[in-house]
Amino acid sequence: MSIKFLAEDDRPREKFLLKGRSSLSDSELLAIIMGSGSRDETAVELARKILASVGNNWHQLSLLSIKDLVKFKGVGEVKAISIATALEIGRRRASQEVPEKPVVSSSNEAYQIFRNHLSDLRTEEFWALFLNQSNKVIHKAQLTQGGISQSIVDIRILFKTAFDHFATGIIVAHNHPSGNPKPSREDIDITQKIKEAGKILGIQLLDHLIITQNAYFSFSDDGLL
């Protein structure tokens, strides 16, 4: 359905979905926060009026109290609280530092990330780190849980997750509850399959770690990649 055929108050939401958040004007963003307009005005028209009253400045809008906001026809207490809450979230976000993504440049650095998840388990699990071109970890995920002797990973899910996070490299790991870090034939086979799939898809398998309670094995360090 075309946006022009939607109810006025639904159009900013549809525009958000179709064109992305950066395509929305300030009044459209505020309209989404409010959810609806008044009997005489659409949400966008009401939002435009509210913003105009503060010089179209978000900082000035954040200074308005709930009592100030409910003076606008069509803004009740619920809408006023929604506006104030959204602005408070923005204030808190602006005051926080962007968390630094860890950089992995060795098998030991990868092991330090994986060990807390894998070293003490009684059943096998398969995990992956997804990295960008600077070897910064942009995502971490558990992909499978298995029995005592094996945990098979679905390569399609592995690379779908990599694509979802725009990763250019991956490091995979699983644990051996037996305590023996030596790779099995199945471990070697799955590593080669992931490596070959990565070559085709342009996503490099950087390492595969096998983790036990007190040690780990690196396919990369052992020259098996």
C-alpha atoms as a PDB file:
ATOM      1  CA  MET A   1       0.000   0.000   0.000  1.00  0.00           C
ATOM      2  CA  SER A   2       1.295   3.465  -0.920  1.00  0.00           C
ATOM      3  CA  ILE A   3       2.057   5.829   1.962  1.00  0.00           C
ATOM      4  CA  LYS A   4      -0.408   8.394   0.599  1.00  0.00           C
ATOM      5  CA  PHE A   5      -3.293   5.997   1.176  1.00  0.00           C
ATOM      6  CA  LEU A   6      -2.452   5.491   4.847  1.00  0.00           C
ATOM      7  CA  ALA A   7      -3.998   7.417   7.714  1.00  0.00           C
ATOM      8  CA  GLU A   8      -2.062  10.616   8.361  1.00  0.00           C
ATOM      9  CA  ASP A   9      -0.766   9.451  11.741  1.00  0.00           C
ATOM     10  CA  ASP A  10       0.558   6.185  10.245  1.00  0.00           C
ATOM     11  CA  ARG A  11       2.588   7.758   7.456  1.00  0.00           C
ATOM     12  CA  PRO A  12       5.714   8.665   9.496  1.00  0.00           C
ATOM     13  CA  ARG A  13       5.954   5.068  10.751  1.00  0.00           C
ATOM     14  CA  GLU A  14       5.623   3.680   7.246  1.00  0.00           C
ATOM     15  CA  LYS A  15       8.214   6.155   5.975  1.00  0.00           C
ATOM     16  CA  PHE A  16      10.564   5.024   8.762  1.00  0.00           C
ATOM     17  CA  LEU A  17      10.186   1.396   7.631  1.00  0.00           C
ATOM     18  CA  LEU A  18      10.521   2.100   3.915  1.00  0.00           C
ATOM     19  CA  LYS A  19      13.205   4.795   3.846  1.00  0.00           C
ATOM     20  CA  GLY A  20      14.938   4.639   7.230  1.00  0.00           C
ATOM     21  CA  ARG A  21      15.044   6.911  10.250  1.00  0.00           C
ATOM     22  CA  SER A  22      17.333   9.502   8.646  1.00  0.00           C
ATOM     23  CA  SER A  23      14.642  10.283   6.058  1.00  0.00           C
ATOM     24  CA  LEU A  24      12.237  11.600   8.690  1.00  0.00           C
ATOM     25  CA  SER A  25      11.901  15.263   9.598  1.00  0.00           C
ATOM     26  CA  ASP A  26      12.003  16.357  13.224  1.00  0.00           C
ATOM     27  CA  SER A  27       8.241  16.775  13.259  1.00  0.00           C
ATOM     28  CA  GLU A  28       7.764  13.256  11.871  1.00  0.00           C
ATOM     29  CA  LEU A  29      10.019  11.819  14.553  1.00  0.00           C
ATOM     30  CA  LEU A  30       8.110  13.639  17.268  1.00  0.00           C
ATOM     31  CA  ALA A  31       4.826  12.490  15.708  1.00  0.00           C
ATOM     32  CA  ILE A  32       5.927   8.855  16.030  1.00  0.00           C
ATOM     33  CA  ILE A  33       6.745   9.439  19.702  1.00  0.00           C
ATOM     34  CA  MET A  34       3.299  10.908  20.329  1.00  0.00           C
ATOM     35  CA  GLY A  35       1.505   8.242  18.324  1.00  0.00           C
ATOM     36  CA  SER A  36      -1.479  10.372  17.299  1.00  0.00           C
ATOM     37  CA  GLY A  37      -2.652  13.923  16.850  1.00  0.00           C
ATOM     38  CA  SER A  38      -5.775  15.693  18.007  1.00  0.00           C
ATOM     39  CA  ARG A  39      -9.273  15.903  16.606  1.00  0.00           C
ATOM     40  CA  ASP A  40      -8.256  18.942  14.576  1.00  0.00           C
ATOM     41  CA  GLU A  41      -4.636  18.138  13.698  1.00  0.00           C
ATOM     42  CA  THR A  42      -2.591  15.169  12.571  1.00  0.00           C
ATOM     43  CA  ALA A  43       0.290  14.027  14.711  1.00  0.00           C
ATOM     44  CA  VAL A  44       2.745  15.664  12.303  1.00  0.00           C
ATOM     45  CA  GLU A  45       0.897  18.961  12.404  1.00  0.00           C
ATOM     46  CA  LEU A  46       0.755  18.887  16.179  1.00  0.00           C
ATOM     47  CA  ALA A  47       4.454  17.993  16.363  1.00  0.00           C
ATOM     48  CA  ARG A  48       5.298  20.837  14.003  1.00  0.00           C
ATOM     49  CA  LYS A  49       3.441  23.283  16.250  1.00  0.00           C
ATOM     50  CA  ILE A  50       5.195  22.030  19.399  1.00  0.00           C
ATOM     51  CA  LEU A  51       8.633  22.247  17.808  1.00  0.00           C
ATOM     52  CA  ALA A  52       7.946  25.701  16.403  1.00  0.00           C
ATOM     53  CA  SER A  53       7.175  26.912  19.938  1.00  0.00           C
ATOM     54  CA  VAL A  54      10.762  26.132  20.982  1.00  0.00           C
ATOM     55  CA  GLY A  55      12.484  27.334  17.832  1.00  0.00           C
ATOM     56  CA  ASN A  56      12.681  23.813  16.414  1.00  0.00           C
ATOM     57  CA  ASN A  57      15.341  23.010  18.953  1.00  0.00           C
ATOM     58  CA  TRP A  58      15.366  19.627  20.740  1.00  0.00           C
ATOM     59  CA  HIS A  59      17.374  21.013  23.637  1.00  0.00           C
ATOM     60  CA  GLN A  60      14.755  23.692  24.245  1.00  0.00           C
ATOM     61  CA  LEU A  61      11.993  21.118  23.959  1.00  0.00           C
ATOM     62  CA  SER A  62      13.665  19.029  26.651  1.00  0.00           C
ATOM     63  CA  LEU A  63      13.317  21.960  29.050  1.00  0.00           C
ATOM     64  CA  LEU A  64       9.536  21.889  28.860  1.00  0.00           C
ATOM     65  CA  SER A  65       7.807  20.275  31.813  1.00  0.00           C
ATOM     66  CA  ILE A  66       4.849  17.914  31.638  1.00  0.00           C
ATOM     67  CA  LYS A  67       2.641  20.875  32.579  1.00  0.00           C
ATOM     68  CA  ASP A  68       4.094  22.874  29.690  1.00  0.00           C
ATOM     69  CA  LEU A  69       3.487  20.078  27.200  1.00  0.00           C
ATOM     70  CA  VAL A  70      -0.112  19.363  28.152  1.00  0.00           C
ATOM     71  CA  LYS A  71      -0.979  22.985  27.363  1.00  0.00           C
ATOM     72  CA  PHE A  72      -0.899  22.023  23.692  1.00  0.00           C
ATOM     73  CA  LYS A  73      -4.313  20.891  22.505  1.00  0.00           C
ATOM     74  CA  GLY A  74      -4.126  17.190  21.776  1.00  0.00           C
ATOM     75  CA  VAL A  75      -1.287  16.488  24.217  1.00  0.00           C
ATOM     76  CA  GLY A  76      -2.444  14.688  27.314  1.00  0.00           C
ATOM     77  CA  GLU A  77      -0.351  13.437  30.180  1.00  0.00           C
ATOM     78  CA  VAL A  78       0.493  10.162  28.428  1.00  0.00           C
ATOM     79  CA  LYS A  79       1.822  11.901  25.311  1.00  0.00           C
ATOM     80  CA  ALA A  80       3.693  14.433  27.408  1.00  0.00           C
ATOM     81  CA  ILE A  81       5.388  11.671  29.381  1.00  0.00           C
ATOM     82  CA  SER A  82       6.278   9.861  26.135  1.00  0.00           C
ATOM     83  CA  ILE A  83       7.933  13.012  24.784  1.00  0.00           C
ATOM     84  CA  ALA A  84       9.822  13.673  28.018  1.00  0.00           C
ATOM     85  CA  THR A  85      10.943  10.034  28.213  1.00  0.00           C
ATOM     86  CA  ALA A  86      12.279  10.005  24.646  1.00  0.00           C
ATOM     87  CA  LEU A  87      14.227  13.205  25.281  1.00  0.00           C
ATOM     88  CA  GLU A  88      15.652  11.808  28.519  1.00  0.00           C
ATOM     89  CA  ILE A  89      16.823   8.688  26.680  1.00  0.00           C
ATOM     90  CA  GLY A  90      18.539  10.953  24.147  1.00  0.00           C
ATOM     91  CA  ARG A  91      20.201  12.920  26.947  1.00  0.00           C
ATOM     92  CA  ARG A  92      21.510   9.765  28.608  1.00  0.00           C
ATOM     93  CA  ARG A  93      22.742   8.362  25.313  1.00  0.00           C
ATOM     94  CA  ALA A  94      24.647  11.570  24.584  1.00  0.00           C
ATOM     95  CA  SER A  95      26.323  11.419  28.004  1.00  0.00           C
ATOM     96  CA  GLN A  96      27.576   7.863  27.553  1.00  0.00           C
ATOM     97  CA  GLU A  97      30.752   6.873  25.787  1.00  0.00           C
ATOM     98  CA  VAL A  98      30.553   4.420  22.916  1.00  0.00           C
ATOM     99  CA  PRO A  99      31.857   1.121  24.319  1.00  0.00           C
ATOM    100  CA  GLU A 100      35.213   0.186  22.873  1.00  0.00           C
ATOM    101  CA  LYS A 101      35.158  -2.985  20.806  1.00  0.00           C
ATOM    102  CA  PRO A 102      37.938  -5.440  21.689  1.00  0.00           C
ATOM    103  CA  VAL A 103      40.571  -6.084  19.037  1.00  0.00           C
ATOM    104  CA  VAL A 104      41.645  -9.687  18.514  1.00  0.00           C
ATOM    105  CA  SER A 105      45.120 -10.120  17.068  1.00  0.00           C
ATOM    106  CA  SER A 106      46.128 -13.498  18.510  1.00  0.00           C
ATOM    107  CA  SER A 107      44.669 -16.837  19.497  1.00  0.00           C
ATOM    108  CA  ASN A 108      45.234 -16.038  23.157  1.00  0.00           C
ATOM    109  CA  GLU A 109      43.163 -12.856  22.928  1.00  0.00           C
ATOM    110  CA  ALA A 110      40.346 -14.861  21.349  1.00  0.00           C
ATOM    111  CA  TYR A 111      40.725 -17.517  24.035  1.00  0.00           C
ATOM    112  CA  GLN A 112      40.359 -14.920  26.785  1.00  0.00           C
ATOM    113  CA  ILE A 113      36.987 -13.940  25.307  1.00  0.00           C
ATOM    114  CA  PHE A 114      35.754 -17.516  24.811  1.00  0.00           C
ATOM    115  CA  ARG A 115      37.027 -19.097  28.018  1.00  0.00           C
ATOM    116  CA  ASN A 116      34.355 -17.600  30.268  1.00  0.00           C
ATOM    117  CA  HIS A 117      31.694 -19.176  28.097  1.00  0.00           C
ATOM    118  CA  LEU A 118      33.241 -22.544  27.307  1.00  0.00           C
ATOM    119  CA  SER A 119      35.915 -23.722  29.710  1.00  0.00           C
ATOM    120  CA  ASP A 120      33.726 -25.227  32.449  1.00  0.00           C
ATOM    121  CA  LEU A 121      30.864 -26.776  30.483  1.00  0.00           C
ATOM    122  CA  ARG A 122      29.898 -30.445  30.632  1.00  0.00           C
ATOM    123  CA  THR A 123      28.408 -30.442  27.130  1.00  0.00           C
ATOM    124  CA  GLU A 124      29.760 -29.007  23.915  1.00  0.00           C
ATOM    125  CA  GLU A 125      28.820 -25.592  22.615  1.00  0.00           C
ATOM    126  CA  PHE A 126      29.862 -23.812  19.436  1.00  0.00           C
ATOM    127  CA  TRP A 127      30.503 -20.055  19.548  1.00  0.00           C
ATOM    128  CA  ALA A 128      31.737 -17.449  17.098  1.00  0.00           C
ATOM    129  CA  LEU A 129      33.262 -13.987  17.139  1.00  0.00           C
ATOM    130  CA  PHE A 130      32.448 -11.734  14.209  1.00  0.00           C
ATOM    131  CA  LEU A 131      35.063  -9.121  13.340  1.00  0.00           C
ATOM    132  CA  ASN A 132      35.376  -6.092  11.075  1.00  0.00           C
ATOM    133  CA  GLN A 133      38.331  -5.227   8.838  1.00  0.00           C
ATOM    134  CA  SER A 134      40.229  -3.828  11.829  1.00  0.00           C
ATOM    135  CA  ASN A 135      39.833  -7.129  13.710  1.00  0.00           C
ATOM    136  CA  LYS A 136      37.471  -5.492  16.184  1.00  0.00           C
ATOM    137  CA  VAL A 137      34.807  -7.767  17.610  1.00  0.00           C
ATOM    138  CA  ILE A 138      31.434  -6.491  16.445  1.00  0.00           C
ATOM    139  CA  HIS A 139      29.330  -9.439  17.603  1.00  0.00           C
ATOM    140  CA  LYS A 140      29.597 -12.611  19.668  1.00  0.00           C
ATOM    141  CA  ALA A 141      27.160 -15.494  19.521  1.00  0.00           C
ATOM    142  CA  GLN A 142      26.494 -19.006  20.715  1.00  0.00           C
ATOM    143  CA  LEU A 143      25.421 -20.965  17.653  1.00  0.00           C
ATOM    144  CA  THR A 144      24.775 -24.481  18.928  1.00  0.00           C
ATOM    145  CA  GLN A 145      24.585 -26.642  22.015  1.00  0.00           C
ATOM    146  CA  GLY A 146      25.288 -30.348  21.757  1.00  0.00           C
ATOM    147  CA  GLY A 147      25.802 -33.453  23.775  1.00  0.00           C
ATOM    148  CA  ILE A 148      28.832 -34.652  25.647  1.00  0.00           C
ATOM    149  CA  SER A 149      30.789 -35.608  22.547  1.00  0.00           C
ATOM    150  CA  GLN A 150      29.754 -33.242  19.753  1.00  0.00           C
ATOM    151  CA  SER A 151      28.151 -29.939  18.790  1.00  0.00           C
ATOM    152  CA  ILE A 152      27.496 -29.551  15.071  1.00  0.00           C
ATOM    153  CA  VAL A 153      27.306 -26.048  13.638  1.00  0.00           C
ATOM    154  CA  ASP A 154      25.077 -25.099  10.727  1.00  0.00           C
ATOM    155  CA  ILE A 155      27.402 -23.246   8.366  1.00  0.00           C
ATOM    156  CA  ARG A 156      24.468 -21.402   6.817  1.00  0.00           C
ATOM    157  CA  ILE A 157      23.525 -19.880  10.183  1.00  0.00           C
ATOM    158  CA  LEU A 158      27.166 -18.996  10.867  1.00  0.00           C
ATOM    159  CA  PHE A 159      27.540 -16.991   7.676  1.00  0.00           C
ATOM    160  CA  LYS A 160      24.043 -15.499   7.824  1.00  0.00           C
ATOM    161  CA  THR A 161      24.994 -14.085  11.221  1.00  0.00           C
ATOM    162  CA  ALA A 162      28.229 -12.778   9.717  1.00  0.00           C
ATOM    163  CA  PHE A 163      26.304 -11.039   6.932  1.00  0.00           C
ATOM    164  CA  ASP A 164      23.774  -9.628   9.385  1.00  0.00           C
ATOM    165  CA  HIS A 165      26.601  -7.863  11.233  1.00  0.00           C
ATOM    166  CA  PHE A 166      28.663  -6.957   8.147  1.00  0.00           C
ATOM    167  CA  ALA A 167      31.588  -9.019   9.411  1.00  0.00           C
ATOM    168  CA  THR A 168      34.663  -9.581   7.261  1.00  0.00           C
ATOM    169  CA  GLY A 169      36.254 -12.175   9.535  1.00  0.00           C
ATOM    170  CA  ILE A 170      35.162 -14.849  11.981  1.00  0.00           C
ATOM    171  CA  ILE A 171      36.771 -16.821  14.771  1.00  0.00           C
ATOM    172  CA  VAL A 172      34.939 -19.931  15.878  1.00  0.00           C
ATOM    173  CA  ALA A 173      35.379 -21.996  19.008  1.00  0.00           C
ATOM    174  CA  HIS A 174      33.944 -25.017  20.732  1.00  0.00           C
ATOM    175  CA  ASN A 175      34.807 -26.885  23.894  1.00  0.00           C
ATOM    176  CA  HIS A 176      35.872 -30.457  24.630  1.00  0.00           C
ATOM    177  CA  PRO A 177      34.375 -31.507  27.967  1.00  0.00           C
ATOM    178  CA  SER A 178      36.744 -34.499  27.947  1.00  0.00           C
ATOM    179  CA  GLY A 179      39.661 -32.170  28.659  1.00  0.00           C
ATOM    180  CA  ASN A 180      41.568 -33.195  25.539  1.00  0.00           C
ATOM    181  CA  PRO A 181      42.108 -30.181  23.244  1.00  0.00           C
ATOM    182  CA  LYS A 182      43.288 -32.284  20.292  1.00  0.00           C
ATOM    183  CA  PRO A 183      40.984 -31.811  17.269  1.00  0.00           C
ATOM    184  CA  SER A 184      38.948 -34.767  16.065  1.00  0.00           C
ATOM    185  CA  ARG A 185      38.487 -35.715  12.434  1.00  0.00           C
ATOM    186  CA  GLU A 186      35.071 -34.026  12.571  1.00  0.00           C
ATOM    187  CA  ASP A 187      36.646 -30.851  13.976  1.00  0.00           C
ATOM    188  CA  ILE A 188      39.123 -30.738  11.109  1.00  0.00           C
ATOM    189  CA  ASP A 189      36.413 -31.382   8.524  1.00  0.00           C
ATOM    190  CA  ILE A 190      34.067 -28.668   9.771  1.00  0.00           C
ATOM    191  CA  THR A 191      36.952 -26.208   9.945  1.00  0.00           C
ATOM    192  CA  GLN A 192      37.805 -26.832   6.295  1.00  0.00           C
ATOM    193  CA  LYS A 193      34.172 -26.476   5.271  1.00  0.00           C
ATOM    194  CA  ILE A 194      33.889 -23.136   7.067  1.00  0.00           C
ATOM    195  CA  LYS A 195      37.166 -21.969   5.550  1.00  0.00           C
ATOM    196  CA  GLU A 196      36.107 -22.888   2.007  1.00  0.00           C
ATOM    197  CA  ALA A 197      32.665 -21.338   2.411  1.00  0.00           C
ATOM    198  CA  GLY A 198      34.287 -18.176   3.722  1.00  0.00           C
ATOM    199  CA  LYS A 199      36.521 -17.946   0.657  1.00  0.00           C
ATOM    200  CA  ILE A 200      33.488 -18.000  -1.618  1.00  0.00           C
ATOM    201  CA  LEU A 201      31.562 -15.478   0.481  1.00  0.00           C
ATOM    202  CA  GLY A 202      34.484 -13.146   1.166  1.00  0.00           C
ATOM    203  CA  ILE A 203      34.508 -13.716   4.916  1.00  0.00           C
ATOM    204  CA  GLN A 204      37.781 -15.083   6.289  1.00  0.00           C
ATOM    205  CA  LEU A 205      37.961 -17.785   8.920  1.00  0.00           C
ATOM    206  CA  LEU A 206      40.735 -16.404  11.127  1.00  0.00           C
ATOM    207  CA  ASP A 207      40.921 -19.228  13.661  1.00  0.00           C
ATOM    208  CA  HIS A 208      39.138 -22.147  15.257  1.00  0.00           C
ATOM    209  CA  LEU A 209      39.788 -22.745  18.932  1.00  0.00           C
ATOM    210  CA  ILE A 210      39.127 -25.925  20.876  1.00  0.00           C
ATOM    211  CA  ILE A 211      38.810 -25.043  24.547  1.00  0.00           C
ATOM    212  CA  THR A 212      39.144 -27.169  27.649  1.00  0.00           C
ATOM    213  CA  GLN A 213      39.125 -26.176  31.301  1.00  0.00           C
ATOM    214  CA  ASN A 214      42.823 -25.337  31.415  1.00  0.00           C
ATOM    215  CA  ALA A 215      44.038 -25.167  27.827  1.00  0.00           C
ATOM    216  CA  TYR A 216      43.128 -24.484  24.219  1.00  0.00           C
ATOM    217  CA  PHE A 217      44.124 -25.582  20.722  1.00  0.00           C
ATOM    218  CA  SER A 218      44.383 -23.084  17.853  1.00  0.00           C
ATOM    219  CA  PHE A 219      44.042 -24.249  14.263  1.00  0.00           C
ATOM    220  CA  SER A 220      45.770 -21.080  13.130  1.00  0.00           C
ATOM    221  CA  ASP A 221      48.733 -21.422  15.487  1.00  0.00           C
ATOM    222  CA  ASP A 222      49.126 -25.067  14.460  1.00  0.00           C
ATOM    223  CA  GLY A 223      49.204 -24.215  10.758  1.00  0.00           C
ATOM    224  CA  LEU A 224      45.923 -25.938   9.943  1.00  0.00           C
ATOM    225  CA  LEU A 225      44.402 -22.870   8.308  1.00  0.00           C
END
